[in-house]
């Protein structure tokens, strides 16, 4: 039963590959930034994170965030009726 299932999976994968629909994983090999390196050394625009503008590591934003934490603090927010 498992062998038949594995055979079906293999056939399905081969069909996907033959149709040009199979995508291999692109491993990120550099720190997350606006541009990242992937396997093979290619550098690409990082659209798989919320840092595609590269602002997460910007010094003035880090300073502003620290000042906001010192001024306003940090806490989990919720709706009033909980």
PDB file of N, CA and C in Angstrom:
ATOM      1  N   UNK A   1       0.829  -1.196   0.000  1.00  0.00           N
ATOM      2  CA  UNK A   1       0.000   0.000   0.000  1.00  0.00           C
ATOM      3  C   UNK A   1       0.874   1.261   0.000  1.00  0.00           C
ATOM      4  N   UNK A   2       1.896   1.296   0.842  1.00  0.00           N
ATOM      5  CA  UNK A   2       2.785   2.451   0.876  1.00  0.00           C
ATOM      6  C   UNK A   2       3.571   2.553  -0.421  1.00  0.00           C
ATOM      7  N   UNK A   3       4.007   1.412  -0.951  1.00  0.00           N
ATOM      8  CA  UNK A   3       4.756   1.415  -2.209  1.00  0.00           C
ATOM      9  C   UNK A   3       3.918   2.004  -3.342  1.00  0.00           C
ATOM     10  N   UNK A   4       2.648   1.688  -3.377  1.00  0.00           N
ATOM     11  CA  UNK A   4       1.758   2.224  -4.410  1.00  0.00           C
ATOM     12  C   UNK A   4       1.602   3.740  -4.249  1.00  0.00           C
ATOM     13  N   UNK A   5       1.485   4.176  -3.002  1.00  0.00           N
ATOM     14  CA  UNK A   5       1.375   5.610  -2.718  1.00  0.00           C
ATOM     15  C   UNK A   5       2.646   6.341  -3.165  1.00  0.00           C
ATOM     16  N   UNK A   6       3.811   5.777  -2.837  1.00  0.00           N
ATOM     17  CA  UNK A   6       5.079   6.381  -3.248  1.00  0.00           C
ATOM     18  C   UNK A   6       5.196   6.428  -4.770  1.00  0.00           C
ATOM     19  N   UNK A   7       4.732   5.390  -5.435  1.00  0.00           N
ATOM     20  CA  UNK A   7       4.758   5.344  -6.896  1.00  0.00           C
ATOM     21  C   UNK A   7       3.893   6.465  -7.468  1.00  0.00           C
ATOM     22  N   UNK A   8       2.709   6.646  -6.901  1.00  0.00           N
ATOM     23  CA  UNK A   8       1.800   7.702  -7.355  1.00  0.00           C
ATOM     24  C   UNK A   8       2.423   9.077  -7.130  1.00  0.00           C
ATOM     25  N   UNK A   9       3.051   9.270  -5.963  1.00  0.00           N
ATOM     26  CA  UNK A   9       3.707  10.549  -5.692  1.00  0.00           C
ATOM     27  C   UNK A   9       4.823  10.816  -6.700  1.00  0.00           C
ATOM     28  N   UNK A  10       5.623   9.800  -6.978  1.00  0.00           N
ATOM     29  CA  UNK A  10       6.716   9.942  -7.945  1.00  0.00           C
ATOM     30  C   UNK A  10       6.190  10.300  -9.326  1.00  0.00           C
ATOM     31  N   UNK A  11       5.111   9.651  -9.738  1.00  0.00           N
ATOM     32  CA  UNK A  11       4.519   9.942 -11.044  1.00  0.00           C
ATOM     33  C   UNK A  11       4.004  11.380 -11.103  1.00  0.00           C
ATOM     34  N   UNK A  12       3.341  11.789 -10.036  1.00  0.00           N
ATOM     35  CA  UNK A  12       2.807  13.151  -9.985  1.00  0.00           C
ATOM     36  C   UNK A  12       3.938  14.175 -10.039  1.00  0.00           C
ATOM     37  N   UNK A  13       5.007  13.933  -9.281  1.00  0.00           N
ATOM     38  CA  UNK A  13       6.150  14.841  -9.312  1.00  0.00           C
ATOM     39  C   UNK A  13       6.776  14.916 -10.699  1.00  0.00           C
ATOM     40  N   UNK A  14       6.902  13.796 -11.355  1.00  0.00           N
ATOM     41  CA  UNK A  14       7.471  13.782 -12.704  1.00  0.00           C
ATOM     42  C   UNK A  14       6.597  14.559 -13.680  1.00  0.00           C
ATOM     43  N   UNK A  15       5.268  14.446 -13.534  1.00  0.00           N
ATOM     44  CA  UNK A  15       4.352  15.207 -14.386  1.00  0.00           C
ATOM     45  C   UNK A  15       4.533  16.707 -14.159  1.00  0.00           C
ATOM     46  N   UNK A  16       4.631  17.086 -12.899  1.00  0.00           N
ATOM     47  CA  UNK A  16       4.820  18.501 -12.557  1.00  0.00           C
ATOM     48  C   UNK A  16       6.126  19.010 -13.153  1.00  0.00           C
ATOM     49  N   UNK A  17       7.196  18.219 -13.010  1.00  0.00           N
ATOM     50  CA  UNK A  17       8.501  18.613 -13.560  1.00  0.00           C
ATOM     51  C   UNK A  17       8.460  18.702 -15.077  1.00  0.00           C
ATOM     52  N   UNK A  18       7.824  17.740 -15.725  1.00  0.00           N
ATOM     53  CA  UNK A  18       7.784  17.731 -17.194  1.00  0.00           C
ATOM     54  C   UNK A  18       6.981  18.904 -17.749  1.00  0.00           C
ATOM     55  N   UNK A  19       6.056  19.438 -16.950  1.00  0.00           N
ATOM     56  CA  UNK A  19       5.256  20.591 -17.372  1.00  0.00           C
ATOM     57  C   UNK A  19       5.943  21.918 -17.032  1.00  0.00           C
ATOM     58  N   UNK A  20       7.123  21.816 -16.410  1.00  0.00           N
ATOM     59  CA  UNK A  20       7.861  23.026 -16.045  1.00  0.00           C
ATOM     60  C   UNK A  20       7.276  23.755 -14.857  1.00  0.00           C
ATOM     61  N   UNK A  21       6.522  23.050 -14.022  1.00  0.00           N
ATOM     62  CA  UNK A  21       5.851  23.679 -12.884  1.00  0.00           C
ATOM     63  C   UNK A  21       6.543  23.423 -11.549  1.00  0.00           C
ATOM     64  N   UNK A  22       7.593  22.617 -11.557  1.00  0.00           N
ATOM     65  CA  UNK A  22       8.285  22.271 -10.315  1.00  0.00           C
ATOM     66  C   UNK A  22       9.250  23.392  -9.944  1.00  0.00           C
ATOM     67  N   UNK A  23       9.210  23.822  -8.698  1.00  0.00           N
ATOM     68  CA  UNK A  23      10.094  24.886  -8.241  1.00  0.00           C
ATOM     69  C   UNK A  23      11.011  24.337  -7.154  1.00  0.00           C
ATOM     70  N   UNK A  24      12.296  24.547  -7.323  1.00  0.00           N
ATOM     71  CA  UNK A  24      13.234  24.125  -6.287  1.00  0.00           C
ATOM     72  C   UNK A  24      13.354  25.229  -5.246  1.00  0.00           C
ATOM     73  N   UNK A  25      13.680  24.835  -4.039  1.00  0.00           N
ATOM     74  CA  UNK A  25      13.827  25.791  -2.951  1.00  0.00           C
ATOM     75  C   UNK A  25      15.071  26.633  -3.167  1.00  0.00           C
ATOM     76  N   UNK A  26      14.936  27.927  -2.967  1.00  0.00           N
ATOM     77  CA  UNK A  26      16.080  28.837  -3.036  1.00  0.00           C
ATOM     78  C   UNK A  26      16.461  29.199  -1.606  1.00  0.00           C
ATOM     79  N   UNK A  27      17.574  28.669  -1.155  1.00  0.00           N
ATOM     80  CA  UNK A  27      18.004  28.876   0.228  1.00  0.00           C
ATOM     81  C   UNK A  27      18.690  30.233   0.343  1.00  0.00           C
ATOM     82  N   UNK A  28      18.273  31.012   1.337  1.00  0.00           N
ATOM     83  CA  UNK A  28      18.883  32.316   1.593  1.00  0.00           C
ATOM     84  C   UNK A  28      20.189  32.077   2.337  1.00  0.00           C
ATOM     85  N   UNK A  29      21.291  32.600   1.791  1.00  0.00           N
ATOM     86  CA  UNK A  29      22.610  32.351   2.370  1.00  0.00           C
ATOM     87  C   UNK A  29      23.245  33.606   2.951  1.00  0.00           C
ATOM     88  N   UNK A  30      22.467  34.662   3.097  1.00  0.00           N
ATOM     89  CA  UNK A  30      22.979  35.909   3.664  1.00  0.00           C
ATOM     90  C   UNK A  30      21.977  36.425   4.687  1.00  0.00           C
ATOM     91  N   UNK A  31      22.366  37.423   5.477  1.00  0.00           N
ATOM     92  CA  UNK A  31      21.388  38.020   6.391  1.00  0.00           C
ATOM     93  C   UNK A  31      20.210  38.607   5.609  1.00  0.00           C
ATOM     94  N   UNK A  32      19.028  38.618   6.236  1.00  0.00           N
ATOM     95  CA  UNK A  32      17.836  39.182   5.597  1.00  0.00           C
ATOM     96  C   UNK A  32      18.028  40.684   5.442  1.00  0.00           C
ATOM     97  N   UNK A  33      17.931  41.155   4.236  1.00  0.00           N
ATOM     98  CA  UNK A  33      18.069  42.566   3.916  1.00  0.00           C
ATOM     99  C   UNK A  33      17.225  42.824   2.673  1.00  0.00           C
ATOM    100  N   UNK A  34      17.289  44.022   2.125  1.00  0.00           N
ATOM    101  CA  UNK A  34      16.534  44.297   0.906  1.00  0.00           C
ATOM    102  C   UNK A  34      17.018  43.410  -0.236  1.00  0.00           C
ATOM    103  N   UNK A  35      18.312  43.193  -0.304  1.00  0.00           N
ATOM    104  CA  UNK A  35      18.897  42.277  -1.282  1.00  0.00           C
ATOM    105  C   UNK A  35      19.554  41.143  -0.519  1.00  0.00           C
ATOM    106  N   UNK A  36      19.355  39.929  -0.974  1.00  0.00           N
ATOM    107  CA  UNK A  36      19.894  38.751  -0.300  1.00  0.00           C
ATOM    108  C   UNK A  36      20.643  37.883  -1.292  1.00  0.00           C
ATOM    109  N   UNK A  37      21.524  37.057  -0.753  1.00  0.00           N
ATOM    110  CA  UNK A  37      22.206  36.058  -1.572  1.00  0.00           C
ATOM    111  C   UNK A  37      21.458  34.741  -1.415  1.00  0.00           C
ATOM    112  N   UNK A  38      21.344  34.012  -2.517  1.00  0.00           N
ATOM    113  CA  UNK A  38      20.719  32.693  -2.474  1.00  0.00           C
ATOM    114  C   UNK A  38      21.732  31.656  -2.930  1.00  0.00           C
ATOM    115  N   UNK A  39      21.382  30.396  -2.767  1.00  0.00           N
ATOM    116  CA  UNK A  39      22.263  29.310  -3.167  1.00  0.00           C
ATOM    117  C   UNK A  39      22.799  29.567  -4.570  1.00  0.00           C
ATOM    118  N   UNK A  40      24.088  29.406  -4.727  1.00  0.00           N
ATOM    119  CA  UNK A  40      24.719  29.674  -6.015  1.00  0.00           C
ATOM    120  C   UNK A  40      25.356  31.049  -6.072  1.00  0.00           C
ATOM    121  N   UNK A  41      25.156  31.863  -5.016  1.00  0.00           N
ATOM    122  CA  UNK A  41      25.786  33.172  -4.934  1.00  0.00           C
ATOM    123  C   UNK A  41      25.035  34.305  -5.597  1.00  0.00           C
ATOM    124  N   UNK A  42      23.934  34.024  -6.249  1.00  0.00           N
ATOM    125  CA  UNK A  42      23.164  35.071  -6.922  1.00  0.00           C
ATOM    126  C   UNK A  42      22.535  36.003  -5.886  1.00  0.00           C
ATOM    127  N   UNK A  43      22.569  37.324  -6.152  1.00  0.00           N
ATOM    128  CA  UNK A  43      21.922  38.297  -5.274  1.00  0.00           C
ATOM    129  C   UNK A  43      20.597  38.716  -5.908  1.00  0.00           C
ATOM    130  N   UNK A  44      19.544  38.724  -5.093  1.00  0.00           N
ATOM    131  CA  UNK A  44      18.205  39.035  -5.592  1.00  0.00           C
ATOM    132  C   UNK A  44      17.503  39.979  -4.629  1.00  0.00           C
ATOM    133  N   UNK A  45      16.464  40.649  -5.109  1.00  0.00           N
ATOM    134  CA  UNK A  45      15.623  41.485  -4.266  1.00  0.00           C
ATOM    135  C   UNK A  45      14.798  40.576  -3.370  1.00  0.00           C
ATOM    136  N   UNK A  46      14.792  40.852  -2.082  1.00  0.00           N
ATOM    137  CA  UNK A  46      14.113  40.006  -1.105  1.00  0.00           C
ATOM    138  C   UNK A  46      12.639  40.399  -0.998  1.00  0.00           C
ATOM    139  N   UNK A  47      11.785  39.678  -1.708  1.00  0.00           N
ATOM    140  CA  UNK A  47      10.348  39.945  -1.657  1.00  0.00           C
ATOM    141  C   UNK A  47       9.605  38.935  -0.784  1.00  0.00           C
ATOM    142  N   UNK A  48      10.346  38.081  -0.066  1.00  0.00           N
ATOM    143  CA  UNK A  48       9.691  37.057   0.755  1.00  0.00           C
ATOM    144  C   UNK A  48       9.662  37.460   2.225  1.00  0.00           C
ATOM    145  N   UNK A  49       9.975  38.706   2.531  1.00  0.00           N
ATOM    146  CA  UNK A  49       9.948  39.188   3.905  1.00  0.00           C
ATOM    147  C   UNK A  49       9.396  40.608   3.887  1.00  0.00           C
ATOM    148  N   UNK A  50       9.089  41.115   5.044  1.00  0.00           N
ATOM    149  CA  UNK A  50       8.570  42.476   5.124  1.00  0.00           C
ATOM    150  C   UNK A  50       9.691  43.503   5.203  1.00  0.00           C
ATOM    151  N   UNK A  51      10.873  43.161   4.727  1.00  0.00           N
ATOM    152  CA  UNK A  51      12.002  44.080   4.749  1.00  0.00           C
ATOM    153  C   UNK A  51      12.526  44.335   3.341  1.00  0.00           C
ATOM    154  N   UNK A  52      11.671  44.311   2.336  1.00  0.00           N
ATOM    155  CA  UNK A  52      12.129  44.481   0.961  1.00  0.00           C
ATOM    156  C   UNK A  52      12.644  45.890   0.693  1.00  0.00           C
ATOM    157  N   UNK A  53      12.335  46.842   1.557  1.00  0.00           N
ATOM    158  CA  UNK A  53      12.900  48.182   1.416  1.00  0.00           C
ATOM    159  C   UNK A  53      14.220  48.321   2.168  1.00  0.00           C
ATOM    160  N   UNK A  54      14.558  47.313   2.965  1.00  0.00           N
ATOM    161  CA  UNK A  54      15.807  47.345   3.710  1.00  0.00           C
ATOM    162  C   UNK A  54      15.782  48.284   4.899  1.00  0.00           C
ATOM    163  N   UNK A  55      14.610  48.579   5.422  1.00  0.00           N
ATOM    164  CA  UNK A  55      14.508  49.543   6.517  1.00  0.00           C
ATOM    165  C   UNK A  55      14.705  48.934   7.899  1.00  0.00           C
ATOM    166  N   UNK A  56      14.608  47.636   8.029  1.00  0.00           N
ATOM    167  CA  UNK A  56      14.687  47.000   9.347  1.00  0.00           C
ATOM    168  C   UNK A  56      16.026  47.238  10.032  1.00  0.00           C
ATOM    169  N   UNK A  57      17.078  47.425   9.256  1.00  0.00           N
ATOM    170  CA  UNK A  57      18.403  47.636   9.828  1.00  0.00           C
ATOM    171  C   UNK A  57      18.874  49.082   9.709  1.00  0.00           C
ATOM    172  N   UNK A  58      17.982  49.978   9.306  1.00  0.00           N
ATOM    173  CA  UNK A  58      18.384  51.375   9.119  1.00  0.00           C
ATOM    174  C   UNK A  58      18.648  52.016  10.484  1.00  0.00           C
ATOM    175  N   UNK A  59      19.824  52.602  10.688  1.00  0.00           N
ATOM    176  CA  UNK A  59      20.195  53.144  12.002  1.00  0.00           C
ATOM    177  C   UNK A  59      19.208  54.157  12.562  1.00  0.00           C
ATOM    178  N   UNK A  60      18.662  55.049  11.738  1.00  0.00           N
ATOM    179  CA  UNK A  60      17.743  56.054  12.278  1.00  0.00           C
ATOM    180  C   UNK A  60      16.421  55.429  12.710  1.00  0.00           C
ATOM    181  N   UNK A  61      15.992  54.364  12.051  1.00  0.00           N
ATOM    182  CA  UNK A  61      14.766  53.683  12.483  1.00  0.00           C
ATOM    183  C   UNK A  61      14.990  52.919  13.780  1.00  0.00           C
ATOM    184  N   UNK A  62      16.156  52.329  13.924  1.00  0.00           N
ATOM    185  CA  UNK A  62      16.478  51.624  15.169  1.00  0.00           C
ATOM    186  C   UNK A  62      16.509  52.613  16.324  1.00  0.00           C
ATOM    187  N   UNK A  63      17.121  53.775  16.112  1.00  0.00           N
ATOM    188  CA  UNK A  63      17.168  54.820  17.139  1.00  0.00           C
ATOM    189  C   UNK A  63      15.762  55.287  17.489  1.00  0.00           C
ATOM    190  N   UNK A  64      14.937  55.528  16.481  1.00  0.00           N
ATOM    191  CA  UNK A  64      13.558  55.978  16.723  1.00  0.00           C
ATOM    192  C   UNK A  64      12.765  54.926  17.485  1.00  0.00           C
ATOM    193  N   UNK A  65      12.967  53.658  17.163  1.00  0.00           N
ATOM    194  CA  UNK A  65      12.254  52.584  17.864  1.00  0.00           C
ATOM    195  C   UNK A  65      12.669  52.529  19.325  1.00  0.00           C
ATOM    196  N   UNK A  66      13.954  52.663  19.598  1.00  0.00           N
ATOM    197  CA  UNK A  66      14.433  52.658  20.988  1.00  0.00           C
ATOM    198  C   UNK A  66      13.852  53.826  21.768  1.00  0.00           C
ATOM    199  N   UNK A  67      13.832  55.002  21.147  1.00  0.00           N
ATOM    200  CA  UNK A  67      13.268  56.181  21.808  1.00  0.00           C
ATOM    201  C   UNK A  67      11.779  55.987  22.087  1.00  0.00           C
ATOM    202  N   UNK A  68      11.062  55.399  21.148  1.00  0.00           N
ATOM    203  CA  UNK A  68       9.632  55.157  21.341  1.00  0.00           C
ATOM    204  C   UNK A  68       9.396  54.174  22.478  1.00  0.00           C
ATOM    205  N   UNK A  69      10.233  53.147  22.583  1.00  0.00           N
ATOM    206  CA  UNK A  69      10.095  52.190  23.685  1.00  0.00           C
ATOM    207  C   UNK A  69      10.348  52.858  25.022  1.00  0.00           C
ATOM    208  N   UNK A  70      11.366  53.721  25.073  1.00  0.00           N
ATOM    209  CA  UNK A  70      11.669  54.418  26.323  1.00  0.00           C
ATOM    210  C   UNK A  70      10.565  55.392  26.697  1.00  0.00           C
ATOM    211  N   UNK A  71       9.971  56.038  25.711  1.00  0.00           N
ATOM    212  CA  UNK A  71       8.929  57.031  25.958  1.00  0.00           C
ATOM    213  C   UNK A  71       7.570  56.397  26.232  1.00  0.00           C
ATOM    214  N   UNK A  72       7.201  55.436  25.416  1.00  0.00           N
ATOM    215  CA  UNK A  72       5.849  54.882  25.468  1.00  0.00           C
ATOM    216  C   UNK A  72       5.774  53.476  26.040  1.00  0.00           C
ATOM    217  N   UNK A  73       6.908  52.802  26.160  1.00  0.00           N
ATOM    218  CA  UNK A  73       6.908  51.434  26.671  1.00  0.00           C
ATOM    219  C   UNK A  73       6.416  50.445  25.628  1.00  0.00           C
ATOM    220  N   UNK A  74       6.261  49.215  26.095  1.00  0.00           N
ATOM    221  CA  UNK A  74       5.814  48.147  25.214  1.00  0.00           C
ATOM    222  C   UNK A  74       4.875  47.257  25.992  1.00  0.00           C
ATOM    223  N   UNK A  75       3.811  46.851  25.383  1.00  0.00           N
ATOM    224  CA  UNK A  75       2.890  45.928  26.019  1.00  0.00           C
ATOM    225  C   UNK A  75       1.944  45.361  24.988  1.00  0.00           C
ATOM    226  N   UNK A  76       1.399  44.215  25.307  1.00  0.00           N
ATOM    227  CA  UNK A  76       0.440  43.596  24.407  1.00  0.00           C
ATOM    228  C   UNK A  76      -0.877  44.356  24.511  1.00  0.00           C
ATOM    229  N   UNK A  77      -1.479  44.605  23.404  1.00  0.00           N
ATOM    230  CA  UNK A  77      -2.755  45.307  23.379  1.00  0.00           C
ATOM    231  C   UNK A  77      -3.855  44.313  23.039  1.00  0.00           C
ATOM    232  N   UNK A  78      -5.038  44.628  23.477  1.00  0.00           N
ATOM    233  CA  UNK A  78      -6.159  43.744  23.211  1.00  0.00           C
ATOM    234  C   UNK A  78      -7.435  44.573  23.178  1.00  0.00           C
ATOM    235  N   UNK A  79      -8.501  43.929  22.808  1.00  0.00           N
ATOM    236  CA  UNK A  79      -9.787  44.624  22.837  1.00  0.00           C
ATOM    237  C   UNK A  79     -10.212  44.825  24.285  1.00  0.00           C
ATOM    238  N   UNK A  80     -11.049  45.820  24.543  1.00  0.00           N
ATOM    239  CA  UNK A  80     -11.385  46.193  25.914  1.00  0.00           C
ATOM    240  C   UNK A  80     -12.201  45.157  26.670  1.00  0.00           C
ATOM    241  N   UNK A  81     -12.984  44.353  25.976  1.00  0.00           N
ATOM    242  CA  UNK A  81     -13.887  43.456  26.709  1.00  0.00           C
ATOM    243  C   UNK A  81     -13.228  42.158  27.152  1.00  0.00           C
ATOM    244  N   UNK A  82     -11.938  41.971  26.899  1.00  0.00           N
ATOM    245  CA  UNK A  82     -11.264  40.750  27.378  1.00  0.00           C
ATOM    246  C   UNK A  82     -10.797  40.963  28.793  1.00  0.00           C
TER     247      UNK A  82
END
